Amino acid sequence: MKAVFVTGGKQYYVSEGDTIYVEKLDAEVGKDVEFTEVLYVDGVAGTPVVEGAKVVCSVEKQGKQKKVIVFKYRPKKKFRKRKGHRQPYTKLTVKKIVK
C-alpha cells in the first residue's frame, strides 16, 4: 500500500516499512505520530485530501543534518561573511497506512 502525505510543507511518497527524514516534529523518540493530511492512497486521489485516511509512523531519531556553509562576499570590497547552518530533522518509520 502506498500513500502521499504532507508534513512541514513537503509531500512524501511512502509505503509501509519505509524510513524517511522530515522537518523536525515535536515528538519523543519511540512514540507514534499520525498524519491525517493524506493526498493519495492506493490509486485514490483526494480533493484535496482522502477522507478517513491516515499514515501512522514511529519516531526513530531526532537530529541535525550535516553543516552547510553559507559564504557571502563582495568582490573588490574586502567583505567576507561565513556562516554555518545545520537543519534539524526527525527520522520516521512508516508503520501502517489506513485507507
PDB file of N, CA and C in Angstrom:
ATOM      1  N   MET A   1       0.841  -1.175   0.000  1.00  0.00           N
ATOM      2  CA  MET A   1       0.000   0.000   0.000  1.00  0.00           C
ATOM      3  C   MET A   1       0.891   1.245   0.000  1.00  0.00           C
ATOM      4  N   LYS A   2       0.599   2.189  -0.869  1.00  0.00           N
ATOM      5  CA  LYS A   2       1.391   3.406  -0.993  1.00  0.00           C
ATOM      6  C   LYS A   2       0.515   4.621  -0.708  1.00  0.00           C
ATOM      7  N   ALA A   3       1.157   5.694  -0.231  1.00  0.00           N
ATOM      8  CA  ALA A   3       0.420   6.911   0.100  1.00  0.00           C
ATOM      9  C   ALA A   3       1.313   8.134  -0.081  1.00  0.00           C
ATOM     10  N   VAL A   4       0.659   9.288  -0.251  1.00  0.00           N
ATOM     11  CA  VAL A   4       1.328  10.575  -0.288  1.00  0.00           C
ATOM     12  C   VAL A   4       0.720  11.413   0.816  1.00  0.00           C
ATOM     13  N   PHE A   5       1.571  11.924   1.725  1.00  0.00           N
ATOM     14  CA  PHE A   5       1.068  12.776   2.794  1.00  0.00           C
ATOM     15  C   PHE A   5       1.919  14.031   2.896  1.00  0.00           C
ATOM     16  N   VAL A   6       1.393  15.018   3.635  1.00  0.00           N
ATOM     17  CA  VAL A   6       2.036  16.326   3.743  1.00  0.00           C
ATOM     18  C   VAL A   6       2.463  16.573   5.184  1.00  0.00           C
ATOM     19  N   THR A   7       3.701  17.016   5.378  1.00  0.00           N
ATOM     20  CA  THR A   7       4.174  17.494   6.667  1.00  0.00           C
ATOM     21  C   THR A   7       5.322  18.461   6.428  1.00  0.00           C
ATOM     22  N   GLY A   8       5.365  19.523   7.189  1.00  0.00           N
ATOM     23  CA  GLY A   8       6.428  20.505   7.068  1.00  0.00           C
ATOM     24  C   GLY A   8       6.450  21.217   5.730  1.00  0.00           C
ATOM     25  N   GLY A   9       5.290  21.303   5.043  1.00  0.00           N
ATOM     26  CA  GLY A   9       5.223  21.975   3.752  1.00  0.00           C
ATOM     27  C   GLY A   9       5.750  21.152   2.598  1.00  0.00           C
ATOM     28  N   LYS A  10       6.030  19.869   2.835  1.00  0.00           N
ATOM     29  CA  LYS A  10       6.549  18.991   1.786  1.00  0.00           C
ATOM     30  C   LYS A  10       5.670  17.751   1.669  1.00  0.00           C
ATOM     31  N   GLN A  11       5.689  17.129   0.499  1.00  0.00           N
ATOM     32  CA  GLN A  11       4.926  15.908   0.268  1.00  0.00           C
ATOM     33  C   GLN A  11       5.875  14.714   0.238  1.00  0.00           C
ATOM     34  N   TYR A  12       5.440  13.606   0.844  1.00  0.00           N
ATOM     35  CA  TYR A  12       6.257  12.401   0.924  1.00  0.00           C
ATOM     36  C   TYR A  12       5.470  11.217   0.370  1.00  0.00           C
ATOM     37  N   TYR A  13       6.090  10.474  -0.540  1.00  0.00           N
ATOM     38  CA  TYR A  13       5.500   9.284  -1.149  1.00  0.00           C
ATOM     39  C   TYR A  13       6.091   8.073  -0.446  1.00  0.00           C
ATOM     40  N   VAL A  14       5.268   7.344   0.312  1.00  0.00           N
ATOM     41  CA  VAL A  14       5.781   6.275   1.165  1.00  0.00           C
ATOM     42  C   VAL A  14       4.963   4.999   1.008  1.00  0.00           C
ATOM     43  N   SER A  15       5.548   3.902   1.458  1.00  0.00           N
ATOM     44  CA  SER A  15       4.845   2.640   1.616  1.00  0.00           C
ATOM     45  C   SER A  15       5.187   2.110   3.004  1.00  0.00           C
ATOM     46  N   GLU A  16       4.493   1.086   3.441  1.00  0.00           N
ATOM     47  CA  GLU A  16       4.710   0.557   4.787  1.00  0.00           C
ATOM     48  C   GLU A  16       6.133   0.023   4.922  1.00  0.00           C
ATOM     49  N   GLY A  17       6.791   0.376   6.036  1.00  0.00           N
ATOM     50  CA  GLY A  17       8.147  -0.066   6.293  1.00  0.00           C
ATOM     51  C   GLY A  17       9.229   0.904   5.835  1.00  0.00           C
ATOM     52  N   ASP A  18       8.854   1.961   5.114  1.00  0.00           N
ATOM     53  CA  ASP A  18       9.832   2.941   4.643  1.00  0.00           C
ATOM     54  C   ASP A  18      10.374   3.779   5.799  1.00  0.00           C
ATOM     55  N   THR A  19      11.606   4.252   5.644  1.00  0.00           N
ATOM     56  CA  THR A  19      12.224   5.174   6.588  1.00  0.00           C
ATOM     57  C   THR A  19      12.434   6.494   5.865  1.00  0.00           C
ATOM     58  N   ILE A  20      11.947   7.590   6.476  1.00  0.00           N
ATOM     59  CA  ILE A  20      12.052   8.904   5.852  1.00  0.00           C
ATOM     60  C   ILE A  20      12.561   9.926   6.860  1.00  0.00           C
ATOM     61  N   TYR A  21      13.117  11.010   6.335  1.00  0.00           N
ATOM     62  CA  TYR A  21      13.570  12.133   7.146  1.00  0.00           C
ATOM     63  C   TYR A  21      12.669  13.324   6.830  1.00  0.00           C
ATOM     64  N   VAL A  22      12.026  13.890   7.850  1.00  0.00           N
ATOM     65  CA  VAL A  22      11.107  15.016   7.669  1.00  0.00           C
ATOM     66  C   VAL A  22      11.584  16.198   8.501  1.00  0.00           C
ATOM     67  N   GLU A  23      10.956  17.352   8.284  1.00  0.00           N
ATOM     68  CA  GLU A  23      11.241  18.518   9.111  1.00  0.00           C
ATOM     69  C   GLU A  23      10.952  18.175  10.565  1.00  0.00           C
ATOM     70  N   LYS A  24      11.661  18.807  11.485  1.00  0.00           N
ATOM     71  CA  LYS A  24      11.574  18.467  12.911  1.00  0.00           C
ATOM     72  C   LYS A  24      10.142  18.520  13.437  1.00  0.00           C
ATOM     73  N   LEU A  25       9.747  17.442  14.121  1.00  0.00           N
ATOM     74  CA  LEU A  25       8.440  17.340  14.759  1.00  0.00           C
ATOM     75  C   LEU A  25       8.612  17.349  16.271  1.00  0.00           C
ATOM     76  N   ASP A  26       7.612  17.868  16.986  1.00  0.00           N
ATOM     77  CA  ASP A  26       7.645  17.838  18.446  1.00  0.00           C
ATOM     78  C   ASP A  26       7.092  16.502  18.923  1.00  0.00           C
ATOM     79  N   ALA A  27       7.925  15.477  18.913  1.00  0.00           N
ATOM     80  CA  ALA A  27       7.534  14.138  19.339  1.00  0.00           C
ATOM     81  C   ALA A  27       8.751  13.455  19.941  1.00  0.00           C
ATOM     82  N   GLU A  28       8.497  12.620  20.934  1.00  0.00           N
ATOM     83  CA  GLU A  28       9.585  11.908  21.594  1.00  0.00           C
ATOM     84  C   GLU A  28       9.962  10.657  20.806  1.00  0.00           C
ATOM     85  N   VAL A  29      11.201  10.228  20.976  1.00  0.00           N
ATOM     86  CA  VAL A  29      11.682   9.016  20.318  1.00  0.00           C
ATOM     87  C   VAL A  29      10.915   7.818  20.870  1.00  0.00           C
ATOM     88  N   GLY A  30      10.432   6.959  19.969  1.00  0.00           N
ATOM     89  CA  GLY A  30       9.668   5.780  20.367  1.00  0.00           C
ATOM     90  C   GLY A  30       8.166   5.974  20.312  1.00  0.00           C
ATOM     91  N   LYS A  31       7.702   7.208  20.229  1.00  0.00           N
ATOM     92  CA  LYS A  31       6.264   7.484  20.162  1.00  0.00           C
ATOM     93  C   LYS A  31       5.775   7.369  18.728  1.00  0.00           C
ATOM     94  N   ASP A  32       4.448   7.241  18.567  1.00  0.00           N
ATOM     95  CA  ASP A  32       3.830   7.186  17.250  1.00  0.00           C
ATOM     96  C   ASP A  32       3.269   8.555  16.875  1.00  0.00           C
ATOM     97  N   VAL A  33       3.325   8.862  15.575  1.00  0.00           N
ATOM     98  CA  VAL A  33       2.807  10.113  15.038  1.00  0.00           C
ATOM     99  C   VAL A  33       1.839   9.769  13.916  1.00  0.00           C
ATOM    100  N   GLU A  34       0.662  10.413  13.892  1.00  0.00           N
ATOM    101  CA  GLU A  34      -0.323  10.182  12.836  1.00  0.00           C
ATOM    102  C   GLU A  34      -0.391  11.405  11.924  1.00  0.00           C
ATOM    103  N   PHE A  35      -0.420  11.158  10.626  1.00  0.00           N
ATOM    104  CA  PHE A  35      -0.582  12.217   9.644  1.00  0.00           C
ATOM    105  C   PHE A  35      -1.924  12.001   8.958  1.00  0.00           C
ATOM    106  N   THR A  36      -2.823  12.976   9.086  1.00  0.00           N
ATOM    107  CA  THR A  36      -4.170  12.836   8.519  1.00  0.00           C
ATOM    108  C   THR A  36      -4.332  13.598   7.213  1.00  0.00           C
ATOM    109  N   GLU A  37      -3.353  14.423   6.858  1.00  0.00           N
ATOM    110  CA  GLU A  37      -3.410  15.160   5.599  1.00  0.00           C
ATOM    111  C   GLU A  37      -2.813  14.291   4.493  1.00  0.00           C
ATOM    112  N   VAL A  38      -3.599  13.290   4.059  1.00  0.00           N
ATOM    113  CA  VAL A  38      -3.158  12.307   3.073  1.00  0.00           C
ATOM    114  C   VAL A  38      -3.766  12.692   1.722  1.00  0.00           C
ATOM    115  N   LEU A  39      -2.926  12.853   0.705  1.00  0.00           N
ATOM    116  CA  LEU A  39      -3.379  13.292  -0.610  1.00  0.00           C
ATOM    117  C   LEU A  39      -3.707  12.129  -1.549  1.00  0.00           C
ATOM    118  N   TYR A  40      -3.099  10.963  -1.307  1.00  0.00           N
ATOM    119  CA  TYR A  40      -3.243   9.829  -2.226  1.00  0.00           C
ATOM    120  C   TYR A  40      -3.044   8.534  -1.450  1.00  0.00           C
ATOM    121  N   VAL A  41      -3.940   7.555  -1.688  1.00  0.00           N
ATOM    122  CA  VAL A  41      -3.793   6.227  -1.084  1.00  0.00           C
ATOM    123  C   VAL A  41      -4.231   5.184  -2.102  1.00  0.00           C
ATOM    124  N   ASP A  42      -3.308   4.312  -2.517  1.00  0.00           N
ATOM    125  CA  ASP A  42      -3.603   3.178  -3.401  1.00  0.00           C
ATOM    126  C   ASP A  42      -4.539   3.496  -4.564  1.00  0.00           C
ATOM    127  N   GLY A  43      -4.187   4.453  -5.396  1.00  0.00           N
ATOM    128  CA  GLY A  43      -4.981   4.764  -6.580  1.00  0.00           C
ATOM    129  C   GLY A  43      -6.135   5.713  -6.335  1.00  0.00           C
ATOM    130  N   VAL A  44      -6.384   6.090  -5.096  1.00  0.00           N
ATOM    131  CA  VAL A  44      -7.463   7.023  -4.767  1.00  0.00           C
ATOM    132  C   VAL A  44      -6.846   8.375  -4.437  1.00  0.00           C
ATOM    133  N   ALA A  45      -7.149   9.360  -5.276  1.00  0.00           N
ATOM    134  CA  ALA A  45      -6.643  10.711  -5.048  1.00  0.00           C
ATOM    135  C   ALA A  45      -7.723  11.533  -4.362  1.00  0.00           C
ATOM    136  N   GLY A  46      -7.331  12.340  -3.400  1.00  0.00           N
ATOM    137  CA  GLY A  46      -8.285  13.163  -2.677  1.00  0.00           C
ATOM    138  C   GLY A  46      -8.510  14.494  -3.356  1.00  0.00           C
ATOM    139  N   THR A  47      -9.557  15.186  -2.903  1.00  0.00           N
ATOM    140  CA  THR A  47      -9.862  16.515  -3.424  1.00  0.00           C
ATOM    141  C   THR A  47     -10.051  17.479  -2.271  1.00  0.00           C
ATOM    142  N   PRO A  48      -9.109  18.021  -1.609  1.00  0.00           N
ATOM    143  CA  PRO A  48      -7.672  17.812  -1.756  1.00  0.00           C
ATOM    144  C   PRO A  48      -7.124  16.649  -0.928  1.00  0.00           C
ATOM    145  N   VAL A  49      -7.862  16.167   0.100  1.00  0.00           N
ATOM    146  CA  VAL A  49      -7.353  15.062   0.916  1.00  0.00           C
ATOM    147  C   VAL A  49      -8.319  13.883   0.861  1.00  0.00           C
ATOM    148  N   VAL A  50      -7.807  12.694   1.148  1.00  0.00           N
ATOM    149  CA  VAL A  50      -8.627  11.488   1.204  1.00  0.00           C
ATOM    150  C   VAL A  50      -9.253  11.421   2.594  1.00  0.00           C
ATOM    151  N   GLU A  51     -10.576  11.375   2.650  1.00  0.00           N
ATOM    152  CA  GLU A  51     -11.295  11.362   3.926  1.00  0.00           C
ATOM    153  C   GLU A  51     -11.063  10.048   4.668  1.00  0.00           C
ATOM    154  N   GLY A  52     -10.726  10.148   5.950  1.00  0.00           N
ATOM    155  CA  GLY A  52     -10.543   8.976   6.799  1.00  0.00           C
ATOM    156  C   GLY A  52      -9.204   8.279   6.658  1.00  0.00           C
ATOM    157  N   ALA A  53      -8.374   8.719   5.749  1.00  0.00           N
ATOM    158  CA  ALA A  53      -7.072   8.086   5.556  1.00  0.00           C
ATOM    159  C   ALA A  53      -6.056   8.713   6.500  1.00  0.00           C
ATOM    160  N   LYS A  54      -5.111   7.881   6.948  1.00  0.00           N
ATOM    161  CA  LYS A  54      -4.028   8.390   7.786  1.00  0.00           C
ATOM    162  C   LYS A  54      -2.802   7.512   7.630  1.00  0.00           C
ATOM    163  N   VAL A  55      -1.653   8.100   7.921  1.00  0.00           N
ATOM    164  CA  VAL A  55      -0.375   7.399   7.883  1.00  0.00           C
ATOM    165  C   VAL A  55       0.170   7.419   9.306  1.00  0.00           C
ATOM    166  N   VAL A  56       0.451   6.237   9.855  1.00  0.00           N
ATOM    167  CA  VAL A  56       0.973   6.123  11.217  1.00  0.00           C
ATOM    168  C   VAL A  56       2.462   5.805  11.140  1.00  0.00           C
ATOM    169  N   CYS A  57       3.264   6.640  11.802  1.00  0.00           N
ATOM    170  CA  CYS A  57       4.717   6.483  11.789  1.00  0.00           C
ATOM    171  C   CYS A  57       5.240   6.453  13.217  1.00  0.00           C
ATOM    172  N   SER A  58       6.380   5.809  13.417  1.00  0.00           N
ATOM    173  CA  SER A  58       7.039   5.836  14.720  1.00  0.00           C
ATOM    174  C   SER A  58       8.309   6.675  14.602  1.00  0.00           C
ATOM    175  N   VAL A  59       8.597   7.439  15.648  1.00  0.00           N
ATOM    176  CA  VAL A  59       9.760   8.319  15.663  1.00  0.00           C
ATOM    177  C   VAL A  59      10.983   7.491  16.053  1.00  0.00           C
ATOM    178  N   GLU A  60      11.975   7.468  15.172  1.00  0.00           N
ATOM    179  CA  GLU A  60      13.193   6.702  15.411  1.00  0.00           C
ATOM    180  C   GLU A  60      14.300   7.561  16.023  1.00  0.00           C
ATOM    181  N   LYS A  61      14.393   8.835  15.568  1.00  0.00           N
ATOM    182  CA  LYS A  61      15.526   9.658  15.976  1.00  0.00           C
ATOM    183  C   LYS A  61      15.211  11.130  15.739  1.00  0.00           C
ATOM    184  N   GLN A  62      15.756  11.977  16.600  1.00  0.00           N
ATOM    185  CA  GLN A  62      15.749  13.423  16.391  1.00  0.00           C
ATOM    186  C   GLN A  62      17.203  13.836  16.192  1.00  0.00           C
ATOM    187  N   GLY A  63      17.495  14.643  15.206  1.00  0.00           N
ATOM    188  CA  GLY A  63      18.891  15.013  14.981  1.00  0.00           C
ATOM    189  C   GLY A  63      19.046  16.241  14.122  1.00  0.00           C
ATOM    190  N   LYS A  64      20.301  16.490  13.717  1.00  0.00           N
ATOM    191  CA  LYS A  64      20.622  17.603  12.829  1.00  0.00           C
ATOM    192  C   LYS A  64      21.406  17.067  11.641  1.00  0.00           C
ATOM    193  N   GLN A  65      21.176  17.666  10.477  1.00  0.00           N
ATOM    194  CA  GLN A  65      21.880  17.259   9.276  1.00  0.00           C
ATOM    195  C   GLN A  65      23.305  17.803   9.288  1.00  0.00           C
ATOM    196  N   LYS A  66      24.089  17.436   8.274  1.00  0.00           N
ATOM    197  CA  LYS A  66      25.450  17.938   8.164  1.00  0.00           C
ATOM    198  C   LYS A  66      25.444  19.440   7.952  1.00  0.00           C
ATOM    199  N   LYS A  67      26.530  20.083   8.360  1.00  0.00           N
ATOM    200  CA  LYS A  67      26.626  21.537   8.276  1.00  0.00           C
ATOM    201  C   LYS A  67      26.762  21.994   6.821  1.00  0.00           C
ATOM    202  N   VAL A  68      26.002  23.034   6.502  1.00  0.00           N
ATOM    203  CA  VAL A  68      26.080  23.689   5.206  1.00  0.00           C
ATOM    204  C   VAL A  68      26.708  25.052   5.443  1.00  0.00           C
ATOM    205  N   ILE A  69      27.740  25.382   4.683  1.00  0.00           N
ATOM    206  CA  ILE A  69      28.432  26.656   4.836  1.00  0.00           C
ATOM    207  C   ILE A  69      27.783  27.693   3.912  1.00  0.00           C
ATOM    208  N   VAL A  70      27.413  28.826   4.492  1.00  0.00           N
ATOM    209  CA  VAL A  70      26.872  29.952   3.734  1.00  0.00           C
ATOM    210  C   VAL A  70      27.970  31.008   3.693  1.00  0.00           C
ATOM    211  N   PHE A  71      28.461  31.308   2.500  1.00  0.00           N
ATOM    212  CA  PHE A  71      29.573  32.248   2.354  1.00  0.00           C
ATOM    213  C   PHE A  71      29.158  33.390   1.437  1.00  0.00           C
ATOM    214  N   LYS A  72      29.212  34.614   1.969  1.00  0.00           N
ATOM    215  CA  LYS A  72      28.863  35.797   1.190  1.00  0.00           C
ATOM    216  C   LYS A  72      30.117  36.652   1.026  1.00  0.00           C
ATOM    217  N   TYR A  73      30.245  37.286  -0.114  1.00  0.00           N
ATOM    218  CA  TYR A  73      31.361  38.216  -0.306  1.00  0.00           C
ATOM    219  C   TYR A  73      30.991  39.234  -1.378  1.00  0.00           C
ATOM    220  N   ARG A  74      31.656  40.358  -1.307  1.00  0.00           N
ATOM    221  CA  ARG A  74      31.519  41.400  -2.321  1.00  0.00           C
ATOM    222  C   ARG A  74      32.892  41.558  -2.985  1.00  0.00           C
ATOM    223  N   PRO A  75      32.971  41.356  -4.266  1.00  0.00           N
ATOM    224  CA  PRO A  75      34.267  41.465  -4.924  1.00  0.00           C
ATOM    225  C   PRO A  75      34.841  42.880  -4.838  1.00  0.00           C
ATOM    226  N   LYS A  76      36.137  42.956  -4.600  1.00  0.00           N
ATOM    227  CA  LYS A  76      36.901  44.208  -4.546  1.00  0.00           C
ATOM    228  C   LYS A  76      36.520  45.113  -3.378  1.00  0.00           C
ATOM    229  N   LYS A  77      35.773  44.620  -2.403  1.00  0.00           N
ATOM    230  CA  LYS A  77      35.343  45.458  -1.279  1.00  0.00           C
ATOM    231  C   LYS A  77      35.840  44.945   0.077  1.00  0.00           C
ATOM    232  N   LYS A  78      36.577  43.846   0.098  1.00  0.00           N
ATOM    233  CA  LYS A  78      37.085  43.232   1.325  1.00  0.00           C
ATOM    234  C   LYS A  78      35.960  42.860   2.296  1.00  0.00           C
ATOM    235  N   PHE A  79      34.829  42.437   1.748  1.00  0.00           N
ATOM    236  CA  PHE A  79      33.701  41.997   2.576  1.00  0.00           C
ATOM    237  C   PHE A  79      33.595  40.488   2.474  1.00  0.00           C
ATOM    238  N   ARG A  80      33.704  39.814   3.603  1.00  0.00           N
ATOM    239  CA  ARG A  80      33.579  38.363   3.657  1.00  0.00           C
ATOM    240  C   ARG A  80      32.726  38.007   4.861  1.00  0.00           C
ATOM    241  N   LYS A  81      31.781  37.099   4.676  1.00  0.00           N
ATOM    242  CA  LYS A  81      30.950  36.644   5.794  1.00  0.00           C
ATOM    243  C   LYS A  81      30.752  35.139   5.643  1.00  0.00           C
ATOM    244  N   ARG A  82      31.101  34.379   6.667  1.00  0.00           N
ATOM    245  CA  ARG A  82      30.996  32.931   6.640  1.00  0.00           C
ATOM    246  C   ARG A  82      30.087  32.495   7.776  1.00  0.00           C
ATOM    247  N   LYS A  83      29.111  31.664   7.464  1.00  0.00           N
ATOM    248  CA  LYS A  83      28.124  31.233   8.452  1.00  0.00           C
ATOM    249  C   LYS A  83      27.769  29.777   8.180  1.00  0.00           C
ATOM    250  N   GLY A  84      27.539  29.005   9.227  1.00  0.00           N
ATOM    251  CA  GLY A  84      27.149  27.612   9.076  1.00  0.00           C
ATOM    252  C   GLY A  84      25.718  27.398   9.514  1.00  0.00           C
ATOM    253  N   HIS A  85      25.070  26.351   8.950  1.00  0.00           N
ATOM    254  CA  HIS A  85      23.692  26.031   9.316  1.00  0.00           C
ATOM    255  C   HIS A  85      23.510  24.525   9.346  1.00  0.00           C
ATOM    256  N   ARG A  86      22.858  24.029  10.398  1.00  0.00           N
ATOM    257  CA  ARG A  86      22.513  22.610  10.498  1.00  0.00           C
ATOM    258  C   ARG A  86      21.005  22.505  10.676  1.00  0.00           C
ATOM    259  N   GLN A  87      20.325  21.901   9.709  1.00  0.00           N
ATOM    260  CA  GLN A  87      18.875  21.795   9.723  1.00  0.00           C
ATOM    261  C   GLN A  87      18.448  20.632  10.625  1.00  0.00           C
ATOM    262  N   PRO A  88      17.552  20.871  11.589  1.00  0.00           N
ATOM    263  CA  PRO A  88      17.055  19.773  12.423  1.00  0.00           C
ATOM    264  C   PRO A  88      16.087  18.885  11.640  1.00  0.00           C
ATOM    265  N   TYR A  89      16.069  17.594  11.962  1.00  0.00           N
ATOM    266  CA  TYR A  89      15.181  16.648  11.282  1.00  0.00           C
ATOM    267  C   TYR A  89      14.640  15.627  12.271  1.00  0.00           C
ATOM    268  N   THR A  90      13.625  14.896  11.823  1.00  0.00           N
ATOM    269  CA  THR A  90      13.064  13.764  12.562  1.00  0.00           C
ATOM    270  C   THR A  90      13.074  12.563  11.630  1.00  0.00           C
ATOM    271  N   LYS A  91      13.627  11.449  12.100  1.00  0.00           N
ATOM    272  CA  LYS A  91      13.669  10.221  11.311  1.00  0.00           C
ATOM    273  C   LYS A  91      12.442   9.395  11.679  1.00  0.00           C
ATOM    274  N   LEU A  92      11.633   9.038  10.671  1.00  0.00           N
ATOM    275  CA  LEU A  92      10.397   8.295  10.889  1.00  0.00           C
ATOM    276  C   LEU A  92      10.424   6.966  10.147  1.00  0.00           C
ATOM    277  N   THR A  93       9.745   5.962  10.721  1.00  0.00           N
ATOM    278  CA  THR A  93       9.498   4.694  10.044  1.00  0.00           C
ATOM    279  C   THR A  93       7.997   4.521   9.912  1.00  0.00           C
ATOM    280  N   VAL A  94       7.529   4.263   8.700  1.00  0.00           N
ATOM    281  CA  VAL A  94       6.096   4.123   8.447  1.00  0.00           C
ATOM    282  C   VAL A  94       5.639   2.762   8.950  1.00  0.00           C
ATOM    283  N   LYS A  95       4.700   2.780   9.915  1.00  0.00           N
ATOM    284  CA  LYS A  95       4.193   1.528  10.480  1.00  0.00           C
ATOM    285  C   LYS A  95       3.018   0.989   9.680  1.00  0.00           C
ATOM    286  N   LYS A  96       2.002   1.851   9.433  1.00  0.00           N
ATOM    287  CA  LYS A  96       0.857   1.398   8.658  1.00  0.00           C
ATOM    288  C   LYS A  96       0.181   2.562   7.983  1.00  0.00           C
ATOM    289  N   ILE A  97      -0.538   2.222   6.913  1.00  0.00           N
ATOM    290  CA  ILE A  97      -1.313   3.196   6.165  1.00  0.00           C
ATOM    291  C   ILE A  97      -2.768   2.756   6.225  1.00  0.00           C
ATOM    292  N   VAL A  98      -3.633   3.611   6.760  1.00  0.00           N
ATOM    293  CA  VAL A  98      -5.054   3.307   6.907  1.00  0.00           C
ATOM    294  C   VAL A  98      -5.819   3.995   5.790  1.00  0.00           C
ATOM    295  N   LYS A  99      -6.627   3.243   5.067  1.00  0.00           N
ATOM    296  CA  LYS A  99      -7.357   3.774   3.912  1.00  0.00           C
ATOM    297  C   LYS A  99      -8.710   4.308   4.294  1.00  0.00           C
TER     298      LYS A  99
END
